[in-house]
Amino acid sequence: MPNKEKIEAMQNEIADLRKNLAELIFEVDQNIFHKSQYLEKEYMEKIGQLEFKSFKTQCAILRVRRKTEIVKELIDNNRVLDLEFVEKILDIDFEENKSTLQEQENLLKLALTQTDKFTLSAVEEDELNSVYKNLINLINPDLNREQPDEANDLYKEGVTAFAKKDLAALQEIMEKALAYTNDFSATEPALLSQYKTTLEDAIKDLQGQQKLLNDSFPFVTLSLLHDDDQLNAKIHELNEHISYYEYHLGRFEERLKELLASRIN
């Protein structure tokens, strides 16, 4: 007959694994749904807007330089200077640049406004996190593999409510989730061992996800954003680039004006 102390020890291990897994699930979800958005907004406010301005100015340089070339060619060959037609040619030539610029501008606007929908107070924020942690323990599928599909579907609704920071909806979901209870008091060594392995695998998988998050945008910008020396150096570098590009943009624009004026004269 299995040793009672051995079974109790395994049950204690499982309890610890469940606790660790629940904490890791919450941490990963919070990073994905909330912290990433605030961090991305911070990056865009401090760095992203300057990067976009730099890229936009570079695109403007390419366009005005190409326009200058076309205008010069028309003038040199004594051809009709139809500026509206020239602009259409440029629109075709720089369609990809325009599309990329629009996409980057949309992403910038989204990053700067996506956290505006989160209007919870500090107390409500704590309540949201508390309720979600309880929901994880109660009906998260990784912790409760044998629960019915209805509970799994309910948990998905809870994830959505947490992502939106919809406290009222999450509380309602939690009330429904209380109807599902799970018994973790199994005493069969084989079942305990199997469950222990399942929990360990889930923890390993989530740790991998967490590492991927930490190594991807926007989390890779943490050291830059929170180190004043690095941040100021980066801002200075971008402003220098922008000044450089704006100077050369002005040169090309002035050259274009001179060409157009020469044709008129």
C-alpha atoms as a PDB file:
ATOM      1  CA  MET A   1       0.000   0.000   0.000  1.00  0.00           C
ATOM      2  CA  PRO A   2       1.418   3.412  -0.922  1.00  0.00           C
ATOM      3  CA  ASN A   3       3.045   5.305   1.863  1.00  0.00           C
ATOM      4  CA  LYS A   4       0.681   7.958   3.257  1.00  0.00           C
ATOM      5  CA  GLU A   5       3.507  10.431   3.807  1.00  0.00           C
ATOM      6  CA  LYS A   6       4.664   9.995   0.210  1.00  0.00           C
ATOM      7  CA  ILE A   7       1.179  10.763  -1.129  1.00  0.00           C
ATOM      8  CA  GLU A   8       0.845  13.812   1.114  1.00  0.00           C
ATOM      9  CA  ALA A   9       4.243  15.048  -0.068  1.00  0.00           C
ATOM     10  CA  MET A  10       3.151  14.700  -3.705  1.00  0.00           C
ATOM     11  CA  GLN A  11      -0.114  16.507  -2.960  1.00  0.00           C
ATOM     12  CA  ASN A  12       1.874  19.335  -1.396  1.00  0.00           C
ATOM     13  CA  GLU A  13       4.093  19.499  -4.480  1.00  0.00           C
ATOM     14  CA  ILE A  14       1.022  19.696  -6.671  1.00  0.00           C
ATOM     15  CA  ALA A  15      -0.418  22.472  -4.522  1.00  0.00           C
ATOM     16  CA  ASP A  16       2.818  24.449  -4.940  1.00  0.00           C
ATOM     17  CA  LEU A  17       2.863  23.814  -8.675  1.00  0.00           C
ATOM     18  CA  ARG A  18      -0.736  24.971  -8.976  1.00  0.00           C
ATOM     19  CA  LYS A  19       0.093  28.138  -7.096  1.00  0.00           C
ATOM     20  CA  ASN A  20       3.163  28.826  -9.260  1.00  0.00           C
ATOM     21  CA  LEU A  21       1.263  28.125 -12.462  1.00  0.00           C
ATOM     22  CA  ALA A  22      -1.627  30.387 -11.457  1.00  0.00           C
ATOM     23  CA  GLU A  23       0.778  33.223 -10.660  1.00  0.00           C
ATOM     24  CA  LEU A  24       2.582  32.729 -13.958  1.00  0.00           C
ATOM     25  CA  ILE A  25      -0.674  32.701 -15.936  1.00  0.00           C
ATOM     26  CA  PHE A  26      -1.691  35.984 -14.330  1.00  0.00           C
ATOM     27  CA  GLU A  27       1.731  37.542 -14.956  1.00  0.00           C
ATOM     28  CA  VAL A  28       1.779  36.554 -18.632  1.00  0.00           C
ATOM     29  CA  ASP A  29      -1.797  37.719 -19.235  1.00  0.00           C
ATOM     30  CA  GLN A  30      -1.177  41.005 -17.467  1.00  0.00           C
ATOM     31  CA  ASN A  31       1.933  41.566 -19.591  1.00  0.00           C
ATOM     32  CA  ILE A  32       0.117  40.750 -22.818  1.00  0.00           C
ATOM     33  CA  PHE A  33      -3.111  42.632 -22.224  1.00  0.00           C
ATOM     34  CA  HIS A  34      -2.114  45.578 -20.050  1.00  0.00           C
ATOM     35  CA  LYS A  35       1.569  46.227 -19.396  1.00  0.00           C
ATOM     36  CA  SER A  36       2.515  45.888 -23.061  1.00  0.00           C
ATOM     37  CA  GLN A  37       0.024  48.595 -24.046  1.00  0.00           C
ATOM     38  CA  TYR A  38       1.202  51.066 -21.410  1.00  0.00           C
ATOM     39  CA  LEU A  39       4.829  50.357 -22.274  1.00  0.00           C
ATOM     40  CA  GLU A  40       4.159  50.770 -25.981  1.00  0.00           C
ATOM     41  CA  LYS A  41       2.421  54.084 -25.319  1.00  0.00           C
ATOM     42  CA  GLU A  42       5.385  55.267 -23.260  1.00  0.00           C
ATOM     43  CA  TYR A  43       7.762  54.291 -26.047  1.00  0.00           C
ATOM     44  CA  MET A  44       5.713  56.048 -28.699  1.00  0.00           C
ATOM     45  CA  GLU A  45       5.465  59.205 -26.603  1.00  0.00           C
ATOM     46  CA  LYS A  46       9.200  59.366 -25.961  1.00  0.00           C
ATOM     47  CA  ILE A  47      10.753  57.726 -29.019  1.00  0.00           C
ATOM     48  CA  GLY A  48       8.208  56.496 -31.553  1.00  0.00           C
ATOM     49  CA  GLN A  49       6.915  59.922 -32.549  1.00  0.00           C
ATOM     50  CA  LEU A  50      10.465  61.065 -33.319  1.00  0.00           C
ATOM     51  CA  GLU A  51      11.158  57.900 -35.304  1.00  0.00           C
ATOM     52  CA  PHE A  52       8.006  58.472 -37.325  1.00  0.00           C
ATOM     53  CA  LYS A  53       8.914  62.111 -37.972  1.00  0.00           C
ATOM     54  CA  SER A  54      12.380  61.047 -39.118  1.00  0.00           C
ATOM     55  CA  PHE A  55      10.961  58.433 -41.489  1.00  0.00           C
ATOM     56  CA  LYS A  56       8.311  60.822 -42.811  1.00  0.00           C
ATOM     57  CA  THR A  57      10.957  63.450 -43.572  1.00  0.00           C
ATOM     58  CA  GLN A  58      13.120  60.884 -45.370  1.00  0.00           C
ATOM     59  CA  CYS A  59      10.128  59.924 -47.516  1.00  0.00           C
ATOM     60  CA  ALA A  60       9.494  63.592 -48.288  1.00  0.00           C
ATOM     61  CA  ILE A  61      13.126  63.993 -49.395  1.00  0.00           C
ATOM     62  CA  LEU A  62      12.858  61.056 -51.782  1.00  0.00           C
ATOM     63  CA  ARG A  63       9.666  62.437 -53.288  1.00  0.00           C
ATOM     64  CA  VAL A  64      10.826  66.018 -53.773  1.00  0.00           C
ATOM     65  CA  ARG A  65      14.161  64.821 -55.150  1.00  0.00           C
ATOM     66  CA  ARG A  66      12.372  62.645 -57.701  1.00  0.00           C
ATOM     67  CA  LYS A  67      10.011  65.518 -58.515  1.00  0.00           C
ATOM     68  CA  THR A  68      12.999  67.761 -59.124  1.00  0.00           C
ATOM     69  CA  GLU A  69      14.498  65.188 -61.498  1.00  0.00           C
ATOM     70  CA  ILE A  70      11.255  64.888 -63.483  1.00  0.00           C
ATOM     71  CA  VAL A  71      10.754  68.643 -63.689  1.00  0.00           C
ATOM     72  CA  LYS A  72      14.349  69.162 -64.808  1.00  0.00           C
ATOM     73  CA  GLU A  73      14.012  66.524 -67.495  1.00  0.00           C
ATOM     74  CA  LEU A  74      10.836  68.133 -68.823  1.00  0.00           C
ATOM     75  CA  ILE A  75      12.440  71.572 -68.851  1.00  0.00           C
ATOM     76  CA  ASP A  76      15.658  70.347 -70.472  1.00  0.00           C
ATOM     77  CA  ASN A  77      13.647  68.689 -73.233  1.00  0.00           C
ATOM     78  CA  ASN A  78      11.368  71.703 -73.640  1.00  0.00           C
ATOM     79  CA  ARG A  79       8.288  69.642 -72.883  1.00  0.00           C
ATOM     80  CA  VAL A  80       4.988  70.718 -71.360  1.00  0.00           C
ATOM     81  CA  LEU A  81       5.335  71.128 -67.607  1.00  0.00           C
ATOM     82  CA  ASP A  82       2.117  69.664 -66.262  1.00  0.00           C
ATOM     83  CA  LEU A  83       2.643  69.614 -62.485  1.00  0.00           C
ATOM     84  CA  GLU A  84      -0.635  67.797 -61.868  1.00  0.00           C
ATOM     85  CA  PHE A  85       0.574  65.004 -64.150  1.00  0.00           C
ATOM     86  CA  VAL A  86       3.931  65.001 -62.369  1.00  0.00           C
ATOM     87  CA  GLU A  87       2.189  64.526 -59.024  1.00  0.00           C
ATOM     88  CA  LYS A  88       0.268  61.549 -60.422  1.00  0.00           C
ATOM     89  CA  ILE A  89       3.540  59.975 -61.530  1.00  0.00           C
ATOM     90  CA  LEU A  90       4.982  60.548 -58.072  1.00  0.00           C
ATOM     91  CA  ASP A  91       1.897  59.017 -56.429  1.00  0.00           C
ATOM     92  CA  ILE A  92       2.491  55.865 -58.457  1.00  0.00           C
ATOM     93  CA  ASP A  93       6.236  55.792 -57.802  1.00  0.00           C
ATOM     94  CA  PHE A  94       5.826  56.324 -54.067  1.00  0.00           C
ATOM     95  CA  GLU A  95       2.625  54.376 -53.491  1.00  0.00           C
ATOM     96  CA  GLU A  96       4.450  51.874 -51.280  1.00  0.00           C
ATOM     97  CA  ASN A  97       6.048  54.647 -49.222  1.00  0.00           C
ATOM     98  CA  LYS A  98       2.682  56.335 -48.782  1.00  0.00           C
ATOM     99  CA  SER A  99       1.080  53.080 -47.676  1.00  0.00           C
ATOM    100  CA  THR A 100       3.890  52.399 -45.191  1.00  0.00           C
ATOM    101  CA  LEU A 101       3.646  55.922 -43.810  1.00  0.00           C
ATOM    102  CA  GLN A 102      -0.107  55.599 -43.332  1.00  0.00           C
ATOM    103  CA  GLU A 103       0.309  52.258 -41.616  1.00  0.00           C
ATOM    104  CA  GLN A 104       2.969  53.630 -39.280  1.00  0.00           C
ATOM    105  CA  GLU A 105       0.850  56.683 -38.497  1.00  0.00           C
ATOM    106  CA  ASN A 106      -2.148  54.484 -37.668  1.00  0.00           C
ATOM    107  CA  LEU A 107      -0.033  52.310 -35.377  1.00  0.00           C
ATOM    108  CA  LEU A 108       1.328  55.410 -33.681  1.00  0.00           C
ATOM    109  CA  LYS A 109      -2.137  56.824 -33.061  1.00  0.00           C
ATOM    110  CA  LEU A 110      -3.379  53.472 -31.777  1.00  0.00           C
ATOM    111  CA  ALA A 111      -0.461  53.095 -29.369  1.00  0.00           C
ATOM    112  CA  LEU A 112      -0.990  56.608 -28.020  1.00  0.00           C
ATOM    113  CA  THR A 113      -4.720  56.137 -27.410  1.00  0.00           C
ATOM    114  CA  GLN A 114      -5.270  52.435 -26.720  1.00  0.00           C
ATOM    115  CA  THR A 115      -4.939  52.795 -22.951  1.00  0.00           C
ATOM    116  CA  ASP A 116      -7.503  55.629 -22.828  1.00  0.00           C
ATOM    117  CA  LYS A 117     -10.311  53.086 -22.521  1.00  0.00           C
ATOM    118  CA  PHE A 118      -8.866  51.883 -19.213  1.00  0.00           C
ATOM    119  CA  THR A 119     -10.530  54.162 -16.675  1.00  0.00           C
ATOM    120  CA  LEU A 120     -10.344  52.081 -13.499  1.00  0.00           C
ATOM    121  CA  SER A 121      -9.345  53.620 -10.202  1.00  0.00           C
ATOM    122  CA  ALA A 122      -6.509  52.096  -8.198  1.00  0.00           C
ATOM    123  CA  VAL A 123      -9.020  50.286  -5.977  1.00  0.00           C
ATOM    124  CA  GLU A 124     -10.897  48.947  -8.998  1.00  0.00           C
ATOM    125  CA  GLU A 125      -7.622  47.883 -10.589  1.00  0.00           C
ATOM    126  CA  ASP A 126      -6.747  45.854  -7.509  1.00  0.00           C
ATOM    127  CA  GLU A 127     -10.220  44.309  -7.511  1.00  0.00           C
ATOM    128  CA  LEU A 128      -9.913  43.409 -11.197  1.00  0.00           C
ATOM    129  CA  ASN A 129      -6.617  41.622 -10.568  1.00  0.00           C
ATOM    130  CA  SER A 130      -7.969  39.850  -7.496  1.00  0.00           C
ATOM    131  CA  VAL A 131     -11.075  38.574  -9.264  1.00  0.00           C
ATOM    132  CA  TYR A 132      -9.055  37.415 -12.249  1.00  0.00           C
ATOM    133  CA  LYS A 133      -6.599  35.542 -10.052  1.00  0.00           C
ATOM    134  CA  ASN A 134      -9.511  33.760  -8.379  1.00  0.00           C
ATOM    135  CA  LEU A 135     -10.978  32.926 -11.781  1.00  0.00           C
ATOM    136  CA  ILE A 136      -7.655  31.450 -12.880  1.00  0.00           C
ATOM    137  CA  ASN A 137      -7.547  29.174  -9.854  1.00  0.00           C
ATOM    138  CA  LEU A 138     -11.146  28.127 -10.289  1.00  0.00           C
ATOM    139  CA  ILE A 139     -11.566  27.382 -14.006  1.00  0.00           C
ATOM    140  CA  ASN A 140      -8.333  27.942 -15.921  1.00  0.00           C
ATOM    141  CA  PRO A 141      -8.066  24.917 -18.276  1.00  0.00           C
ATOM    142  CA  ASP A 142      -4.367  24.386 -17.561  1.00  0.00           C
ATOM    143  CA  LEU A 143      -5.119  24.034 -13.880  1.00  0.00           C
ATOM    144  CA  ASN A 144      -8.359  22.118 -14.335  1.00  0.00           C
ATOM    145  CA  ARG A 145      -7.982  19.730 -17.262  1.00  0.00           C
ATOM    146  CA  GLU A 146     -11.069  17.645 -16.496  1.00  0.00           C
ATOM    147  CA  GLN A 147     -13.623  20.452 -16.290  1.00  0.00           C
ATOM    148  CA  PRO A 148     -16.546  20.685 -18.770  1.00  0.00           C
ATOM    149  CA  ASP A 149     -16.384  22.680 -21.979  1.00  0.00           C
ATOM    150  CA  GLU A 150     -18.837  25.204 -20.524  1.00  0.00           C
ATOM    151  CA  ALA A 151     -16.281  26.136 -17.887  1.00  0.00           C
ATOM    152  CA  ASN A 152     -13.571  26.499 -20.537  1.00  0.00           C
ATOM    153  CA  ASP A 153     -15.821  28.789 -22.574  1.00  0.00           C
ATOM    154  CA  LEU A 154     -16.623  30.817 -19.474  1.00  0.00           C
ATOM    155  CA  TYR A 155     -12.931  31.210 -18.762  1.00  0.00           C
ATOM    156  CA  LYS A 156     -12.378  32.588 -22.282  1.00  0.00           C
ATOM    157  CA  GLU A 157     -15.040  35.189 -21.555  1.00  0.00           C
ATOM    158  CA  GLY A 158     -13.174  36.045 -18.376  1.00  0.00           C
ATOM    159  CA  VAL A 159      -9.937  36.537 -20.281  1.00  0.00           C
ATOM    160  CA  THR A 160     -11.710  38.927 -22.648  1.00  0.00           C
ATOM    161  CA  ALA A 161     -13.211  40.882 -19.752  1.00  0.00           C
ATOM    162  CA  PHE A 162      -9.817  41.094 -18.055  1.00  0.00           C
ATOM    163  CA  ALA A 163      -8.159  42.261 -21.287  1.00  0.00           C
ATOM    164  CA  LYS A 164     -10.761  45.037 -21.616  1.00  0.00           C
ATOM    165  CA  LYS A 165     -10.550  45.838 -17.908  1.00  0.00           C
ATOM    166  CA  ASP A 166     -14.295  45.325 -17.690  1.00  0.00           C
ATOM    167  CA  LEU A 167     -14.577  44.777 -13.955  1.00  0.00           C
ATOM    168  CA  ALA A 168     -18.375  44.416 -13.888  1.00  0.00           C
ATOM    169  CA  ALA A 169     -18.344  41.745 -16.582  1.00  0.00           C
ATOM    170  CA  LEU A 170     -15.488  39.895 -14.886  1.00  0.00           C
ATOM    171  CA  GLN A 171     -17.341  39.876 -11.570  1.00  0.00           C
ATOM    172  CA  GLU A 172     -20.429  38.417 -13.241  1.00  0.00           C
ATOM    173  CA  ILE A 173     -18.312  35.735 -14.890  1.00  0.00           C
ATOM    174  CA  MET A 174     -16.730  34.913 -11.563  1.00  0.00           C
ATOM    175  CA  GLU A 175     -20.157  34.415  -9.998  1.00  0.00           C
ATOM    176  CA  LYS A 176     -21.039  31.925 -12.717  1.00  0.00           C
ATOM    177  CA  ALA A 177     -17.690  30.195 -12.318  1.00  0.00           C
ATOM    178  CA  LEU A 178     -18.455  29.417  -8.682  1.00  0.00           C
ATOM    179  CA  ALA A 179     -20.807  26.707  -9.952  1.00  0.00           C
ATOM    180  CA  TYR A 180     -17.777  24.709 -11.044  1.00  0.00           C
ATOM    181  CA  THR A 181     -15.816  23.015  -8.285  1.00  0.00           C
ATOM    182  CA  ASN A 182     -12.750  20.868  -8.694  1.00  0.00           C
ATOM    183  CA  ASP A 183     -11.524  18.123  -6.397  1.00  0.00           C
ATOM    184  CA  PHE A 184      -7.747  17.915  -6.162  1.00  0.00           C
ATOM    185  CA  SER A 185      -7.641  15.436  -3.327  1.00  0.00           C
ATOM    186  CA  ALA A 186      -6.806  12.386  -5.456  1.00  0.00           C
ATOM    187  CA  THR A 187      -4.762   9.757  -3.646  1.00  0.00           C
ATOM    188  CA  GLU A 188      -3.839   7.424  -6.498  1.00  0.00           C
ATOM    189  CA  PRO A 189      -0.083   7.777  -7.092  1.00  0.00           C
ATOM    190  CA  ALA A 190      -0.447   7.343 -10.868  1.00  0.00           C
ATOM    191  CA  LEU A 191      -3.018  10.127 -11.139  1.00  0.00           C
ATOM    192  CA  LEU A 192      -1.027  12.419  -8.876  1.00  0.00           C
ATOM    193  CA  SER A 193       2.129  11.803 -10.876  1.00  0.00           C
ATOM    194  CA  GLN A 194       0.326  12.449 -14.155  1.00  0.00           C
ATOM    195  CA  TYR A 195      -1.203  15.684 -12.862  1.00  0.00           C
ATOM    196  CA  LYS A 196       2.156  16.806 -11.493  1.00  0.00           C
ATOM    197  CA  THR A 197       3.766  16.276 -14.905  1.00  0.00           C
ATOM    198  CA  THR A 198       0.940  18.155 -16.601  1.00  0.00           C
ATOM    199  CA  LEU A 199       1.429  21.142 -14.311  1.00  0.00           C
ATOM    200  CA  GLU A 200       5.198  21.104 -14.785  1.00  0.00           C
ATOM    201  CA  ASP A 201       4.800  21.050 -18.560  1.00  0.00           C
ATOM    202  CA  ALA A 202       2.345  23.954 -18.424  1.00  0.00           C
ATOM    203  CA  ILE A 203       4.753  25.972 -16.286  1.00  0.00           C
ATOM    204  CA  LYS A 204       7.617  25.271 -18.676  1.00  0.00           C
ATOM    205  CA  ASP A 205       5.494  26.345 -21.640  1.00  0.00           C
ATOM    206  CA  LEU A 206       4.452  29.598 -19.962  1.00  0.00           C
ATOM    207  CA  GLN A 207       8.008  30.371 -18.941  1.00  0.00           C
ATOM    208  CA  GLY A 208       8.909  30.070 -22.613  1.00  0.00           C
ATOM    209  CA  GLN A 209       6.114  32.480 -23.516  1.00  0.00           C
ATOM    210  CA  GLN A 210       7.302  34.915 -20.873  1.00  0.00           C
ATOM    211  CA  LYS A 211      10.833  34.817 -22.263  1.00  0.00           C
ATOM    212  CA  LEU A 212       9.547  35.499 -25.771  1.00  0.00           C
ATOM    213  CA  LEU A 213       7.597  38.462 -24.419  1.00  0.00           C
ATOM    214  CA  ASN A 214      10.616  39.847 -22.608  1.00  0.00           C
ATOM    215  CA  ASP A 215      12.693  39.535 -25.772  1.00  0.00           C
ATOM    216  CA  SER A 216      10.140  41.265 -28.011  1.00  0.00           C
ATOM    217  CA  PHE A 217       8.752  44.771 -28.489  1.00  0.00           C
ATOM    218  CA  PRO A 218       7.809  46.682 -26.413  1.00  0.00           C
ATOM    219  CA  PHE A 219       9.432  44.896 -23.451  1.00  0.00           C
ATOM    220  CA  VAL A 220      12.907  45.066 -25.012  1.00  0.00           C
ATOM    221  CA  THR A 221      12.680  48.857 -24.694  1.00  0.00           C
ATOM    222  CA  LEU A 222      12.459  48.778 -20.891  1.00  0.00           C
ATOM    223  CA  SER A 223      16.149  49.449 -20.274  1.00  0.00           C
ATOM    224  CA  LEU A 224      16.143  52.306 -22.793  1.00  0.00           C
ATOM    225  CA  LEU A 225      13.006  53.984 -21.479  1.00  0.00           C
ATOM    226  CA  HIS A 226      13.965  53.755 -17.829  1.00  0.00           C
ATOM    227  CA  ASP A 227      17.593  54.807 -18.148  1.00  0.00           C
ATOM    228  CA  ASP A 228      17.744  58.599 -18.430  1.00  0.00           C
ATOM    229  CA  ASP A 229      21.200  58.619 -20.013  1.00  0.00           C
ATOM    230  CA  GLN A 230      20.247  56.100 -22.703  1.00  0.00           C
ATOM    231  CA  LEU A 231      16.911  57.776 -23.317  1.00  0.00           C
ATOM    232  CA  ASN A 232      18.326  61.278 -23.632  1.00  0.00           C
ATOM    233  CA  ALA A 233      21.074  60.026 -25.939  1.00  0.00           C
ATOM    234  CA  LYS A 234      18.518  58.333 -28.174  1.00  0.00           C
ATOM    235  CA  ILE A 235      16.279  61.405 -28.263  1.00  0.00           C
ATOM    236  CA  HIS A 236      19.282  63.603 -29.112  1.00  0.00           C
ATOM    237  CA  GLU A 237      20.309  61.211 -31.881  1.00  0.00           C
ATOM    238  CA  LEU A 238      16.836  61.210 -33.430  1.00  0.00           C
ATOM    239  CA  ASN A 239      16.539  64.994 -33.247  1.00  0.00           C
ATOM    240  CA  GLU A 240      19.924  65.295 -34.954  1.00  0.00           C
ATOM    241  CA  HIS A 241      18.732  62.995 -37.718  1.00  0.00           C
ATOM    242  CA  ILE A 242      15.522  64.969 -38.129  1.00  0.00           C
ATOM    243  CA  SER A 243      17.413  68.274 -38.338  1.00  0.00           C
ATOM    244  CA  TYR A 244      19.746  66.785 -40.924  1.00  0.00           C
ATOM    245  CA  TYR A 245      16.888  65.465 -43.050  1.00  0.00           C
ATOM    246  CA  GLU A 246      14.891  68.699 -42.738  1.00  0.00           C
ATOM    247  CA  TYR A 247      17.928  70.687 -43.894  1.00  0.00           C
ATOM    248  CA  HIS A 248      18.329  68.572 -47.014  1.00  0.00           C
ATOM    249  CA  LEU A 249      14.579  68.578 -47.632  1.00  0.00           C
ATOM    250  CA  GLY A 250      14.730  72.369 -47.633  1.00  0.00           C
ATOM    251  CA  ARG A 251      17.608  72.266 -50.129  1.00  0.00           C
ATOM    252  CA  PHE A 252      15.687  70.090 -52.567  1.00  0.00           C
ATOM    253  CA  GLU A 253      12.536  72.187 -52.178  1.00  0.00           C
ATOM    254  CA  GLU A 254      14.519  75.358 -52.892  1.00  0.00           C
ATOM    255  CA  ARG A 255      16.127  73.753 -55.934  1.00  0.00           C
ATOM    256  CA  LEU A 256      12.664  72.769 -57.211  1.00  0.00           C
ATOM    257  CA  LYS A 257      11.401  76.333 -56.761  1.00  0.00           C
ATOM    258  CA  GLU A 258      14.366  77.646 -58.750  1.00  0.00           C
ATOM    259  CA  LEU A 259      13.655  75.207 -61.582  1.00  0.00           C
ATOM    260  CA  LEU A 260       9.982  76.155 -61.716  1.00  0.00           C
ATOM    261  CA  ALA A 261      10.849  79.846 -61.594  1.00  0.00           C
ATOM    262  CA  SER A 262      13.317  79.446 -64.453  1.00  0.00           C
ATOM    263  CA  ARG A 263      10.606  77.896 -66.631  1.00  0.00           C
ATOM    264  CA  ILE A 264       8.194  80.707 -65.870  1.00  0.00           C
ATOM    265  CA  ASN A 265      10.849  83.304 -66.669  1.00  0.00           C
END
